Amino acid sequence: MYAIVNSGGKQYRVEVGETFRLEKISGDIGSTISFDKVLMFSDGETVKIGQPFVENVAVVGKIVEQDKAKKILVFKFKRRKGYRRKQGHRQPYTAVRIESITL
Protein backbone atom coordinates (compact mmCIF):
# COMPACT_ATOMS: atom_id res chain seq x y z
CA MET A 1 0.00 0.00 0.00
CA TYR A 2 1.37 3.38 -0.99
CA ALA A 3 0.28 6.92 -1.75
CA ILE A 4 1.66 9.94 -3.55
CA VAL A 5 1.37 13.14 -1.54
CA ASN A 6 2.04 16.78 -2.38
CA SER A 7 3.97 18.92 0.10
CA GLY A 8 5.95 22.10 -0.47
CA GLY A 9 5.32 22.01 -4.22
CA LYS A 10 6.92 18.56 -4.56
CA GLN A 11 5.49 15.06 -4.82
CA TYR A 12 6.57 12.13 -2.64
CA ARG A 13 5.77 8.42 -2.87
CA VAL A 14 5.21 7.17 0.68
CA GLU A 15 4.57 3.80 2.31
CA VAL A 16 3.70 2.86 5.88
CA GLY A 17 6.81 2.72 8.10
CA GLU A 18 8.95 4.67 5.65
CA THR A 19 10.95 7.74 6.68
CA PHE A 20 11.52 10.48 4.13
CA ARG A 21 12.81 14.06 4.00
CA LEU A 22 10.77 16.96 2.74
CA GLU A 23 11.00 20.73 2.71
CA LYS A 24 10.93 22.26 6.17
CA ILE A 25 7.50 22.38 7.77
CA SER A 26 6.73 23.80 11.18
CA GLY A 27 6.24 21.42 14.08
CA ASP A 28 8.05 19.83 17.01
CA ILE A 29 9.77 16.46 17.01
CA GLY A 30 7.24 13.79 17.94
CA SER A 31 4.19 15.72 16.77
CA THR A 32 1.88 14.20 14.17
CA ILE A 33 1.20 15.69 10.78
CA SER A 34 -1.54 14.90 8.30
CA PHE A 35 -1.11 15.15 4.53
CA ASP A 36 -4.42 16.11 2.95
CA LYS A 37 -3.16 16.59 -0.61
CA VAL A 38 -3.08 12.95 -1.75
CA LEU A 39 -2.63 12.71 -5.52
CA MET A 40 -2.77 8.91 -5.86
CA PHE A 41 -3.54 5.92 -3.67
CA SER A 42 -2.88 2.22 -4.30
CA ASP A 43 -3.64 -0.75 -2.05
CA GLY A 44 -1.94 -3.32 -4.26
CA GLU A 45 -5.03 -4.25 -6.27
CA THR A 46 -6.80 -0.99 -7.08
CA VAL A 47 -5.41 2.40 -7.93
CA LYS A 48 -7.24 5.67 -7.28
CA ILE A 49 -6.05 8.78 -9.06
CA GLY A 50 -7.30 12.19 -7.95
CA GLN A 51 -8.68 15.02 -10.04
CA PRO A 52 -6.55 16.75 -8.64
CA PHE A 53 -6.73 15.11 -5.17
CA VAL A 54 -8.13 11.79 -3.93
CA GLU A 55 -10.91 12.31 -1.41
CA ASN A 56 -11.35 10.33 1.83
CA VAL A 57 -7.71 9.24 2.01
CA ALA A 58 -5.65 10.22 5.05
CA VAL A 59 -1.87 9.96 5.30
CA VAL A 60 -0.65 10.47 8.86
CA GLY A 61 3.01 10.80 9.84
CA LYS A 62 5.19 11.71 12.78
CA ILE A 63 8.01 14.26 12.70
CA VAL A 64 11.24 12.51 13.67
CA GLU A 65 13.85 15.14 12.79
CA GLN A 66 14.24 18.87 12.09
CA ASP A 67 17.70 19.59 10.70
CA LYS A 68 19.75 21.05 7.87
CA ALA A 69 21.18 19.12 4.92
CA LYS A 70 24.87 18.94 4.06
CA LYS A 71 26.51 22.16 2.93
CA ILE A 72 26.76 22.83 -0.78
CA LEU A 73 29.13 25.39 -2.24
CA VAL A 74 27.96 28.01 -4.71
CA PHE A 75 30.95 29.34 -6.64
CA LYS A 76 30.64 32.05 -9.30
CA PHE A 77 33.60 32.73 -11.54
CA LYS A 78 34.27 34.76 -14.67
CA ARG A 79 37.57 34.07 -16.33
CA ARG A 80 40.11 36.85 -16.86
CA LYS A 81 37.93 39.40 -15.03
CA GLY A 82 39.00 38.91 -11.43
CA TYR A 83 35.45 37.96 -10.43
CA ARG A 84 35.14 35.17 -7.86
CA ARG A 85 32.32 34.65 -5.32
CA LYS A 86 32.09 31.73 -2.93
CA GLN A 87 29.01 31.07 -0.85
CA GLY A 88 27.72 28.11 1.15
CA HIS A 89 24.13 26.96 1.64
CA ARG A 90 22.42 24.45 3.95
CA GLN A 91 18.79 23.65 3.13
CA PRO A 92 16.57 22.98 6.16
CA TYR A 93 14.46 19.83 6.04
CA THR A 94 11.97 17.83 8.07
CA ALA A 95 12.16 14.03 8.32
CA VAL A 96 8.75 12.35 8.63
CA ARG A 97 7.92 8.69 9.40
CA ILE A 98 4.61 7.54 7.91
CA GLU A 99 2.37 5.97 10.58
CA SER A 100 -0.75 5.09 8.56
CA ILE A 101 -2.49 5.41 5.21
CA THR A 102 -6.23 5.01 5.59
CA LEU A 103 -9.16 5.13 3.22
PDB file of N, CA and C in Angstrom:
ATOM      1  N   MET A   1       0.843  -1.161   0.000  1.00  0.00           N
ATOM      2  CA  MET A   1       0.000   0.000   0.000  1.00  0.00           C
ATOM      3  C   MET A   1       0.896   1.235   0.000  1.00  0.00           C
ATOM      4  N   TYR A   2       0.610   2.144  -0.928  1.00  0.00           N
ATOM      5  CA  TYR A   2       1.375   3.378  -0.990  1.00  0.00           C
ATOM      6  C   TYR A   2       0.485   4.514  -1.458  1.00  0.00           C
ATOM      7  N   ALA A   3       0.994   5.731  -1.310  1.00  0.00           N
ATOM      8  CA  ALA A   3       0.285   6.924  -1.747  1.00  0.00           C
ATOM      9  C   ALA A   3       1.306   7.931  -2.256  1.00  0.00           C
ATOM     10  N   ILE A   4       0.833   8.842  -3.084  1.00  0.00           N
ATOM     11  CA  ILE A   4       1.662   9.942  -3.548  1.00  0.00           C
ATOM     12  C   ILE A   4       1.050  11.220  -2.994  1.00  0.00           C
ATOM     13  N   VAL A   5       1.858  11.944  -2.188  1.00  0.00           N
ATOM     14  CA  VAL A   5       1.369  13.145  -1.535  1.00  0.00           C
ATOM     15  C   VAL A   5       2.106  14.366  -2.068  1.00  0.00           C
ATOM     16  N   ASN A   6       1.471  15.514  -1.935  1.00  0.00           N
ATOM     17  CA  ASN A   6       2.036  16.778  -2.379  1.00  0.00           C
ATOM     18  C   ASN A   6       2.340  17.621  -1.145  1.00  0.00           C
ATOM     19  N   SER A   7       3.593  18.075  -1.017  1.00  0.00           N
ATOM     20  CA  SER A   7       3.975  18.925   0.101  1.00  0.00           C
ATOM     21  C   SER A   7       5.098  19.845  -0.342  1.00  0.00           C
ATOM     22  N   GLY A   8       4.917  21.134  -0.118  1.00  0.00           N
ATOM     23  CA  GLY A   8       5.949  22.097  -0.475  1.00  0.00           C
ATOM     24  C   GLY A   8       6.188  22.207  -1.960  1.00  0.00           C
ATOM     25  N   GLY A   9       5.172  21.924  -2.776  1.00  0.00           N
ATOM     26  CA  GLY A   9       5.323  22.009  -4.218  1.00  0.00           C
ATOM     27  C   GLY A   9       6.012  20.819  -4.845  1.00  0.00           C
ATOM     28  N   LYS A  10       6.269  19.766  -4.057  1.00  0.00           N
ATOM     29  CA  LYS A  10       6.920  18.563  -4.564  1.00  0.00           C
ATOM     30  C   LYS A  10       6.042  17.359  -4.269  1.00  0.00           C
ATOM     31  N   GLN A  11       6.276  16.276  -4.992  1.00  0.00           N
ATOM     32  CA  GLN A  11       5.488  15.057  -4.822  1.00  0.00           C
ATOM     33  C   GLN A  11       6.375  13.962  -4.262  1.00  0.00           C
ATOM     34  N   TYR A  12       5.819  13.190  -3.305  1.00  0.00           N
ATOM     35  CA  TYR A  12       6.567  12.132  -2.637  1.00  0.00           C
ATOM     36  C   TYR A  12       5.753  10.844  -2.646  1.00  0.00           C
ATOM     37  N   ARG A  13       6.404   9.732  -2.954  1.00  0.00           N
ATOM     38  CA  ARG A  13       5.769   8.424  -2.871  1.00  0.00           C
ATOM     39  C   ARG A  13       6.067   7.881  -1.483  1.00  0.00           C
ATOM     40  N   VAL A  14       5.027   7.579  -0.713  1.00  0.00           N
ATOM     41  CA  VAL A  14       5.213   7.170   0.678  1.00  0.00           C
ATOM     42  C   VAL A  14       4.537   5.835   0.935  1.00  0.00           C
ATOM     43  N   GLU A  15       5.123   5.058   1.842  1.00  0.00           N
ATOM     44  CA  GLU A  15       4.575   3.798   2.310  1.00  0.00           C
ATOM     45  C   GLU A  15       4.569   3.815   3.827  1.00  0.00           C
ATOM     46  N   VAL A  16       3.780   2.940   4.423  1.00  0.00           N
ATOM     47  CA  VAL A  16       3.698   2.864   5.880  1.00  0.00           C
ATOM     48  C   VAL A  16       5.040   2.387   6.441  1.00  0.00           C
ATOM     49  N   GLY A  17       5.544   3.081   7.472  1.00  0.00           N
ATOM     50  CA  GLY A  17       6.808   2.724   8.096  1.00  0.00           C
ATOM     51  C   GLY A  17       8.016   3.369   7.461  1.00  0.00           C
ATOM     52  N   GLU A  18       7.842   4.046   6.359  1.00  0.00           N
ATOM     53  CA  GLU A  18       8.947   4.666   5.645  1.00  0.00           C
ATOM     54  C   GLU A  18       9.252   6.049   6.220  1.00  0.00           C
ATOM     55  N   THR A  19      10.533   6.414   6.254  1.00  0.00           N
ATOM     56  CA  THR A  19      10.953   7.741   6.682  1.00  0.00           C
ATOM     57  C   THR A  19      11.506   8.475   5.473  1.00  0.00           C
ATOM     58  N   PHE A  20      11.040   9.703   5.265  1.00  0.00           N
ATOM     59  CA  PHE A  20      11.519  10.478   4.128  1.00  0.00           C
ATOM     60  C   PHE A  20      11.701  11.932   4.527  1.00  0.00           C
ATOM     61  N   ARG A  21      12.517  12.643   3.742  1.00  0.00           N
ATOM     62  CA  ARG A  21      12.815  14.055   3.996  1.00  0.00           C
ATOM     63  C   ARG A  21      12.006  14.918   3.047  1.00  0.00           C
ATOM     64  N   LEU A  22      11.470  16.011   3.570  1.00  0.00           N
ATOM     65  CA  LEU A  22      10.765  16.959   2.740  1.00  0.00           C
ATOM     66  C   LEU A  22      11.142  18.360   3.152  1.00  0.00           C
ATOM     67  N   GLU A  23      10.699  19.337   2.393  1.00  0.00           N
ATOM     68  CA  GLU A  23      10.998  20.727   2.706  1.00  0.00           C
ATOM     69  C   GLU A  23      10.523  21.057   4.114  1.00  0.00           C
ATOM     70  N   LYS A  24      11.216  21.950   4.776  1.00  0.00           N
ATOM     71  CA  LYS A  24      10.931  22.257   6.172  1.00  0.00           C
ATOM     72  C   LYS A  24       9.485  22.681   6.375  1.00  0.00           C
ATOM     73  N   ILE A  25       8.841  22.011   7.344  1.00  0.00           N
ATOM     74  CA  ILE A  25       7.501  22.384   7.770  1.00  0.00           C
ATOM     75  C   ILE A  25       7.555  22.614   9.271  1.00  0.00           C
ATOM     76  N   SER A  26       6.692  23.467   9.760  1.00  0.00           N
ATOM     77  CA  SER A  26       6.732  23.797  11.182  1.00  0.00           C
ATOM     78  C   SER A  26       6.148  22.656  12.003  1.00  0.00           C
ATOM     79  N   GLY A  27       6.697  22.463  13.180  1.00  0.00           N
ATOM     80  CA  GLY A  27       6.239  21.418  14.082  1.00  0.00           C
ATOM     81  C   GLY A  27       7.386  20.925  14.935  1.00  0.00           C
ATOM     82  N   ASP A  28       7.040  20.363  16.101  1.00  0.00           N
ATOM     83  CA  ASP A  28       8.048  19.834  17.007  1.00  0.00           C
ATOM     84  C   ASP A  28       8.296  18.363  16.722  1.00  0.00           C
ATOM     85  N   ILE A  29       9.454  17.875  17.159  1.00  0.00           N
ATOM     86  CA  ILE A  29       9.771  16.463  17.015  1.00  0.00           C
ATOM     87  C   ILE A  29       8.792  15.662  17.860  1.00  0.00           C
ATOM     88  N   GLY A  30       8.212  14.630  17.252  1.00  0.00           N
ATOM     89  CA  GLY A  30       7.242  13.791  17.940  1.00  0.00           C
ATOM     90  C   GLY A  30       5.802  14.165  17.659  1.00  0.00           C
ATOM     91  N   SER A  31       5.562  15.333  17.067  1.00  0.00           N
ATOM     92  CA  SER A  31       4.191  15.725  16.768  1.00  0.00           C
ATOM     93  C   SER A  31       3.726  15.051  15.473  1.00  0.00           C
ATOM     94  N   THR A  32       2.424  14.851  15.356  1.00  0.00           N
ATOM     95  CA  THR A  32       1.880  14.195  14.172  1.00  0.00           C
ATOM     96  C   THR A  32       1.496  15.240  13.136  1.00  0.00           C
ATOM     97  N   ILE A  33       1.544  14.813  11.884  1.00  0.00           N
ATOM     98  CA  ILE A  33       1.202  15.687  10.776  1.00  0.00           C
ATOM     99  C   ILE A  33       0.343  14.883   9.809  1.00  0.00           C
ATOM    100  N   SER A  34      -0.632  15.549   9.231  1.00  0.00           N
ATOM    101  CA  SER A  34      -1.542  14.896   8.295  1.00  0.00           C
ATOM    102  C   SER A  34      -1.373  15.527   6.918  1.00  0.00           C
ATOM    103  N   PHE A  35      -1.222  14.685   5.906  1.00  0.00           N
ATOM    104  CA  PHE A  35      -1.109  15.150   4.526  1.00  0.00           C
ATOM    105  C   PHE A  35      -2.479  15.019   3.886  1.00  0.00           C
ATOM    106  N   ASP A  36      -3.085  16.149   3.528  1.00  0.00           N
ATOM    107  CA  ASP A  36      -4.420  16.109   2.948  1.00  0.00           C
ATOM    108  C   ASP A  36      -4.401  16.175   1.425  1.00  0.00           C
ATOM    109  N   LYS A  37      -3.272  16.535   0.845  1.00  0.00           N
ATOM    110  CA  LYS A  37      -3.162  16.595  -0.611  1.00  0.00           C
ATOM    111  C   LYS A  37      -2.598  15.273  -1.137  1.00  0.00           C
ATOM    112  N   VAL A  38      -3.465  14.277  -1.256  1.00  0.00           N
ATOM    113  CA  VAL A  38      -3.079  12.953  -1.751  1.00  0.00           C
ATOM    114  C   VAL A  38      -3.434  12.903  -3.230  1.00  0.00           C
ATOM    115  N   LEU A  39      -2.421  12.718  -4.078  1.00  0.00           N
ATOM    116  CA  LEU A  39      -2.628  12.713  -5.517  1.00  0.00           C
ATOM    117  C   LEU A  39      -3.006  11.337  -6.051  1.00  0.00           C
ATOM    118  N   MET A  40      -2.489  10.268  -5.408  1.00  0.00           N
ATOM    119  CA  MET A  40      -2.768   8.911  -5.862  1.00  0.00           C
ATOM    120  C   MET A  40      -2.707   7.961  -4.679  1.00  0.00           C
ATOM    121  N   PHE A  41      -3.517   6.923  -4.723  1.00  0.00           N
ATOM    122  CA  PHE A  41      -3.541   5.921  -3.666  1.00  0.00           C
ATOM    123  C   PHE A  41      -3.636   4.550  -4.301  1.00  0.00           C
ATOM    124  N   SER A  42      -2.845   3.600  -3.807  1.00  0.00           N
ATOM    125  CA  SER A  42      -2.884   2.222  -4.297  1.00  0.00           C
ATOM    126  C   SER A  42      -2.798   1.280  -3.112  1.00  0.00           C
ATOM    127  N   ASP A  43      -3.687   0.257  -3.110  1.00  0.00           N
ATOM    128  CA  ASP A  43      -3.641  -0.746  -2.049  1.00  0.00           C
ATOM    129  C   ASP A  43      -3.111  -2.077  -2.551  1.00  0.00           C
ATOM    130  N   GLY A  44      -2.500  -2.100  -3.713  1.00  0.00           N
ATOM    131  CA  GLY A  44      -1.944  -3.322  -4.265  1.00  0.00           C
ATOM    132  C   GLY A  44      -2.811  -3.916  -5.356  1.00  0.00           C
ATOM    133  N   GLU A  45      -4.114  -3.723  -5.271  1.00  0.00           N
ATOM    134  CA  GLU A  45      -5.026  -4.247  -6.274  1.00  0.00           C
ATOM    135  C   GLU A  45      -5.683  -3.139  -7.083  1.00  0.00           C
ATOM    136  N   THR A  46      -6.145  -2.099  -6.387  1.00  0.00           N
ATOM    137  CA  THR A  46      -6.799  -0.990  -7.076  1.00  0.00           C
ATOM    138  C   THR A  46      -5.968   0.271  -6.941  1.00  0.00           C
ATOM    139  N   VAL A  47      -6.115   1.133  -7.919  1.00  0.00           N
ATOM    140  CA  VAL A  47      -5.408   2.405  -7.931  1.00  0.00           C
ATOM    141  C   VAL A  47      -6.441   3.514  -8.069  1.00  0.00           C
ATOM    142  N   LYS A  48      -6.351   4.512  -7.200  1.00  0.00           N
ATOM    143  CA  LYS A  48      -7.238   5.670  -7.280  1.00  0.00           C
ATOM    144  C   LYS A  48      -6.392   6.896  -7.578  1.00  0.00           C
ATOM    145  N   ILE A  49      -6.766   7.581  -8.647  1.00  0.00           N
ATOM    146  CA  ILE A  49      -6.048   8.781  -9.060  1.00  0.00           C
ATOM    147  C   ILE A  49      -6.976   9.968  -8.882  1.00  0.00           C
ATOM    148  N   GLY A  50      -6.480  11.022  -8.247  1.00  0.00           N
ATOM    149  CA  GLY A  50      -7.301  12.186  -7.947  1.00  0.00           C
ATOM    150  C   GLY A  50      -7.420  13.152  -9.106  1.00  0.00           C
ATOM    151  N   GLN A  51      -8.443  13.987  -9.038  1.00  0.00           N
ATOM    152  CA  GLN A  51      -8.675  15.017 -10.041  1.00  0.00           C
ATOM    153  C   GLN A  51      -8.887  16.354  -9.354  1.00  0.00           C
ATOM    154  N   PRO A  52      -7.976  17.036  -8.745  1.00  0.00           N
ATOM    155  CA  PRO A  52      -6.546  16.748  -8.641  1.00  0.00           C
ATOM    156  C   PRO A  52      -6.179  15.934  -7.403  1.00  0.00           C
ATOM    157  N   PHE A  53      -7.069  15.852  -6.380  1.00  0.00           N
ATOM    158  CA  PHE A  53      -6.731  15.110  -5.167  1.00  0.00           C
ATOM    159  C   PHE A  53      -7.731  13.993  -4.938  1.00  0.00           C
ATOM    160  N   VAL A  54      -7.257  12.907  -4.287  1.00  0.00           N
ATOM    161  CA  VAL A  54      -8.127  11.793  -3.927  1.00  0.00           C
ATOM    162  C   VAL A  54      -8.837  12.163  -2.630  1.00  0.00           C
ATOM    163  N   GLU A  55     -10.142  11.986  -2.601  1.00  0.00           N
ATOM    164  CA  GLU A  55     -10.908  12.311  -1.407  1.00  0.00           C
ATOM    165  C   GLU A  55     -10.999  11.097  -0.490  1.00  0.00           C
ATOM    166  N   ASN A  56     -11.169  11.356   0.792  1.00  0.00           N
ATOM    167  CA  ASN A  56     -11.352  10.330   1.835  1.00  0.00           C
ATOM    168  C   ASN A  56     -10.127   9.444   2.024  1.00  0.00           C
ATOM    169  N   VAL A  57      -8.954   9.955   1.731  1.00  0.00           N
ATOM    170  CA  VAL A  57      -7.707   9.245   2.007  1.00  0.00           C
ATOM    171  C   VAL A  57      -6.888  10.100   2.960  1.00  0.00           C
ATOM    172  N   ALA A  58      -6.436   9.499   4.060  1.00  0.00           N
ATOM    173  CA  ALA A  58      -5.655  10.222   5.050  1.00  0.00           C
ATOM    174  C   ALA A  58      -4.274   9.584   5.182  1.00  0.00           C
ATOM    175  N   VAL A  59      -3.250  10.401   5.082  1.00  0.00           N
ATOM    176  CA  VAL A  59      -1.874   9.955   5.296  1.00  0.00           C
ATOM    177  C   VAL A  59      -1.382  10.681   6.543  1.00  0.00           C
ATOM    178  N   VAL A  60      -1.056   9.903   7.581  1.00  0.00           N
ATOM    179  CA  VAL A  60      -0.646  10.468   8.862  1.00  0.00           C
ATOM    180  C   VAL A  60       0.797  10.071   9.127  1.00  0.00           C
ATOM    181  N   GLY A  61       1.615  11.051   9.534  1.00  0.00           N
ATOM    182  CA  GLY A  61       3.009  10.796   9.835  1.00  0.00           C
ATOM    183  C   GLY A  61       3.433  11.478  11.119  1.00  0.00           C
ATOM    184  N   LYS A  62       4.630  11.134  11.568  1.00  0.00           N
ATOM    185  CA  LYS A  62       5.193  11.713  12.783  1.00  0.00           C
ATOM    186  C   LYS A  62       6.531  12.342  12.450  1.00  0.00           C
ATOM    187  N   ILE A  63       6.747  13.565  12.939  1.00  0.00           N
ATOM    188  CA  ILE A  63       8.010  14.257  12.698  1.00  0.00           C
ATOM    189  C   ILE A  63       9.091  13.624  13.568  1.00  0.00           C
ATOM    190  N   VAL A  64      10.162  13.157  12.932  1.00  0.00           N
ATOM    191  CA  VAL A  64      11.240  12.508  13.674  1.00  0.00           C
ATOM    192  C   VAL A  64      12.510  13.344  13.704  1.00  0.00           C
ATOM    193  N   GLU A  65      12.619  14.350  12.815  1.00  0.00           N
ATOM    194  CA  GLU A  65      13.854  15.138  12.792  1.00  0.00           C
ATOM    195  C   GLU A  65      13.610  16.487  12.128  1.00  0.00           C
ATOM    196  N   GLN A  66      14.203  17.534  12.694  1.00  0.00           N
ATOM    197  CA  GLN A  66      14.241  18.873  12.094  1.00  0.00           C
ATOM    198  C   GLN A  66      15.717  19.250  12.019  1.00  0.00           C
ATOM    199  N   ASP A  67      16.268  19.371  10.818  1.00  0.00           N
ATOM    200  CA  ASP A  67      17.700  19.589  10.700  1.00  0.00           C
ATOM    201  C   ASP A  67      18.003  20.316   9.396  1.00  0.00           C
ATOM    202  N   LYS A  68      19.296  20.473   9.118  1.00  0.00           N
ATOM    203  CA  LYS A  68      19.753  21.051   7.869  1.00  0.00           C
ATOM    204  C   LYS A  68      20.534  20.000   7.098  1.00  0.00           C
ATOM    205  N   ALA A  69      20.469  20.055   5.776  1.00  0.00           N
ATOM    206  CA  ALA A  69      21.184  19.118   4.919  1.00  0.00           C
ATOM    207  C   ALA A  69      22.670  19.480   4.888  1.00  0.00           C
ATOM    208  N   LYS A  70      23.456  18.665   4.190  1.00  0.00           N
ATOM    209  CA  LYS A  70      24.873  18.938   4.057  1.00  0.00           C
ATOM    210  C   LYS A  70      25.085  20.241   3.296  1.00  0.00           C
ATOM    211  N   LYS A  71      26.203  20.892   3.565  1.00  0.00           N
ATOM    212  CA  LYS A  71      26.510  22.159   2.926  1.00  0.00           C
ATOM    213  C   LYS A  71      26.879  21.934   1.459  1.00  0.00           C
ATOM    214  N   ILE A  72      26.332  22.793   0.611  1.00  0.00           N
ATOM    215  CA  ILE A  72      26.757  22.826  -0.779  1.00  0.00           C
ATOM    216  C   ILE A  72      27.458  24.161  -1.020  1.00  0.00           C
ATOM    217  N   LEU A  73      28.402  24.174  -1.935  1.00  0.00           N
ATOM    218  CA  LEU A  73      29.133  25.390  -2.245  1.00  0.00           C
ATOM    219  C   LEU A  73      28.618  25.980  -3.539  1.00  0.00           C
ATOM    220  N   VAL A  74      28.359  27.273  -3.519  1.00  0.00           N
ATOM    221  CA  VAL A  74      27.956  28.013  -4.710  1.00  0.00           C
ATOM    222  C   VAL A  74      29.155  28.890  -5.073  1.00  0.00           C
ATOM    223  N   PHE A  75      29.750  28.622  -6.229  1.00  0.00           N
ATOM    224  CA  PHE A  75      30.949  29.341  -6.641  1.00  0.00           C
ATOM    225  C   PHE A  75      30.714  29.978  -7.997  1.00  0.00           C
ATOM    226  N   LYS A  76      30.793  31.315  -8.048  1.00  0.00           N
ATOM    227  CA  LYS A  76      30.640  32.052  -9.297  1.00  0.00           C
ATOM    228  C   LYS A  76      32.018  32.526  -9.736  1.00  0.00           C
ATOM    229  N   PHE A  77      32.266  32.443 -11.035  1.00  0.00           N
ATOM    230  CA  PHE A  77      33.599  32.732 -11.543  1.00  0.00           C
ATOM    231  C   PHE A  77      33.487  33.210 -12.978  1.00  0.00           C
ATOM    232  N   LYS A  78      34.175  34.299 -13.282  1.00  0.00           N
ATOM    233  CA  LYS A  78      34.269  34.757 -14.668  1.00  0.00           C
ATOM    234  C   LYS A  78      35.753  34.856 -15.012  1.00  0.00           C
ATOM    235  N   ARG A  79      36.151  34.138 -16.015  1.00  0.00           N
ATOM    236  CA  ARG A  79      37.575  34.074 -16.326  1.00  0.00           C
ATOM    237  C   ARG A  79      38.112  35.406 -16.825  1.00  0.00           C
ATOM    238  N   ARG A  80      39.345  35.666 -16.443  1.00  0.00           N
ATOM    239  CA  ARG A  80      40.111  36.848 -16.860  1.00  0.00           C
ATOM    240  C   ARG A  80      39.496  38.163 -16.395  1.00  0.00           C
ATOM    241  N   LYS A  81      38.567  38.162 -15.481  1.00  0.00           N
ATOM    242  CA  LYS A  81      37.932  39.400 -15.032  1.00  0.00           C
ATOM    243  C   LYS A  81      38.164  39.673 -13.549  1.00  0.00           C
ATOM    244  N   GLY A  82      38.766  38.730 -12.849  1.00  0.00           N
ATOM    245  CA  GLY A  82      39.002  38.910 -11.427  1.00  0.00           C
ATOM    246  C   GLY A  82      37.732  38.794 -10.589  1.00  0.00           C
ATOM    247  N   TYR A  83      36.743  38.096 -11.122  1.00  0.00           N
ATOM    248  CA  TYR A  83      35.454  37.962 -10.428  1.00  0.00           C
ATOM    249  C   TYR A  83      35.318  36.553  -9.872  1.00  0.00           C
ATOM    250  N   ARG A  84      35.300  36.464  -8.536  1.00  0.00           N
ATOM    251  CA  ARG A  84      35.140  35.173  -7.864  1.00  0.00           C
ATOM    252  C   ARG A  84      34.262  35.385  -6.645  1.00  0.00           C
ATOM    253  N   ARG A  85      33.209  34.587  -6.487  1.00  0.00           N
ATOM    254  CA  ARG A  85      32.325  34.652  -5.322  1.00  0.00           C
ATOM    255  C   ARG A  85      32.091  33.240  -4.822  1.00  0.00           C
ATOM    256  N   LYS A  86      32.290  33.056  -3.534  1.00  0.00           N
ATOM    257  CA  LYS A  86      32.093  31.734  -2.929  1.00  0.00           C
ATOM    258  C   LYS A  86      31.070  31.870  -1.816  1.00  0.00           C
ATOM    259  N   GLN A  87      30.079  31.013  -1.836  1.00  0.00           N
ATOM    260  CA  GLN A  87      29.005  31.071  -0.852  1.00  0.00           C
ATOM    261  C   GLN A  87      28.577  29.648  -0.527  1.00  0.00           C
ATOM    262  N   GLY A  88      28.219  29.411   0.735  1.00  0.00           N
ATOM    263  CA  GLY A  88      27.719  28.110   1.147  1.00  0.00           C
ATOM    264  C   GLY A  88      26.234  28.174   1.445  1.00  0.00           C
ATOM    265  N   HIS A  89      25.576  27.017   1.371  1.00  0.00           N
ATOM    266  CA  HIS A  89      24.133  26.960   1.639  1.00  0.00           C
ATOM    267  C   HIS A  89      23.784  25.619   2.274  1.00  0.00           C
ATOM    268  N   ARG A  90      22.946  25.663   3.323  1.00  0.00           N
ATOM    269  CA  ARG A  90      22.425  24.446   3.950  1.00  0.00           C
ATOM    270  C   ARG A  90      20.904  24.538   3.963  1.00  0.00           C
ATOM    271  N   GLN A  91      20.253  23.634   3.250  1.00  0.00           N
ATOM    272  CA  GLN A  91      18.795  23.650   3.128  1.00  0.00           C
ATOM    273  C   GLN A  91      18.165  22.971   4.341  1.00  0.00           C
ATOM    274  N   PRO A  92      17.251  23.643   5.040  1.00  0.00           N
ATOM    275  CA  PRO A  92      16.567  22.984   6.158  1.00  0.00           C
ATOM    276  C   PRO A  92      15.561  21.953   5.648  1.00  0.00           C
ATOM    277  N   TYR A  93      15.400  20.871   6.418  1.00  0.00           N
ATOM    278  CA  TYR A  93      14.459  19.825   6.037  1.00  0.00           C
ATOM    279  C   TYR A  93      13.767  19.271   7.271  1.00  0.00           C
ATOM    280  N   THR A  94      12.705  18.529   7.038  1.00  0.00           N
ATOM    281  CA  THR A  94      11.974  17.827   8.074  1.00  0.00           C
ATOM    282  C   THR A  94      11.896  16.364   7.671  1.00  0.00           C
ATOM    283  N   ALA A  95      12.275  15.463   8.571  1.00  0.00           N
ATOM    284  CA  ALA A  95      12.159  14.028   8.319  1.00  0.00           C
ATOM    285  C   ALA A  95      10.871  13.536   8.962  1.00  0.00           C
ATOM    286  N   VAL A  96      10.054  12.814   8.178  1.00  0.00           N
ATOM    287  CA  VAL A  96       8.750  12.348   8.635  1.00  0.00           C
ATOM    288  C   VAL A  96       8.672  10.840   8.453  1.00  0.00           C
ATOM    289  N   ARG A  97       8.180  10.129   9.485  1.00  0.00           N
ATOM    290  CA  ARG A  97       7.917   8.692   9.401  1.00  0.00           C
ATOM    291  C   ARG A  97       6.415   8.511   9.219  1.00  0.00           C
ATOM    292  N   ILE A  98       6.022   7.764   8.208  1.00  0.00           N
ATOM    293  CA  ILE A  98       4.613   7.543   7.907  1.00  0.00           C
ATOM    294  C   ILE A  98       4.053   6.486   8.863  1.00  0.00           C
ATOM    295  N   GLU A  99       3.013   6.865   9.604  1.00  0.00           N
ATOM    296  CA  GLU A  99       2.374   5.972  10.578  1.00  0.00           C
ATOM    297  C   GLU A  99       1.250   5.171   9.940  1.00  0.00           C
ATOM    298  N   SER A 100       0.393   5.814   9.132  1.00  0.00           N
ATOM    299  CA  SER A 100      -0.749   5.094   8.562  1.00  0.00           C
ATOM    300  C   SER A 100      -1.225   5.777   7.285  1.00  0.00           C
ATOM    301  N   ILE A 101      -1.795   4.940   6.399  1.00  0.00           N
ATOM    302  CA  ILE A 101      -2.486   5.405   5.207  1.00  0.00           C
ATOM    303  C   ILE A 101      -3.861   4.757   5.254  1.00  0.00           C
ATOM    304  N   THR A 102      -4.886   5.564   5.444  1.00  0.00           N
ATOM    305  CA  THR A 102      -6.229   5.011   5.593  1.00  0.00           C
ATOM    306  C   THR A 102      -7.162   5.562   4.538  1.00  0.00           C
ATOM    307  N   LEU A 103      -8.143   4.741   4.192  1.00  0.00           N
ATOM    308  CA  LEU A 103      -9.160   5.127   3.221  1.00  0.00           C
ATOM    309  C   LEU A 103     -10.374   5.680   3.915  1.00  0.00           C
TER     310      LEU A 103
END
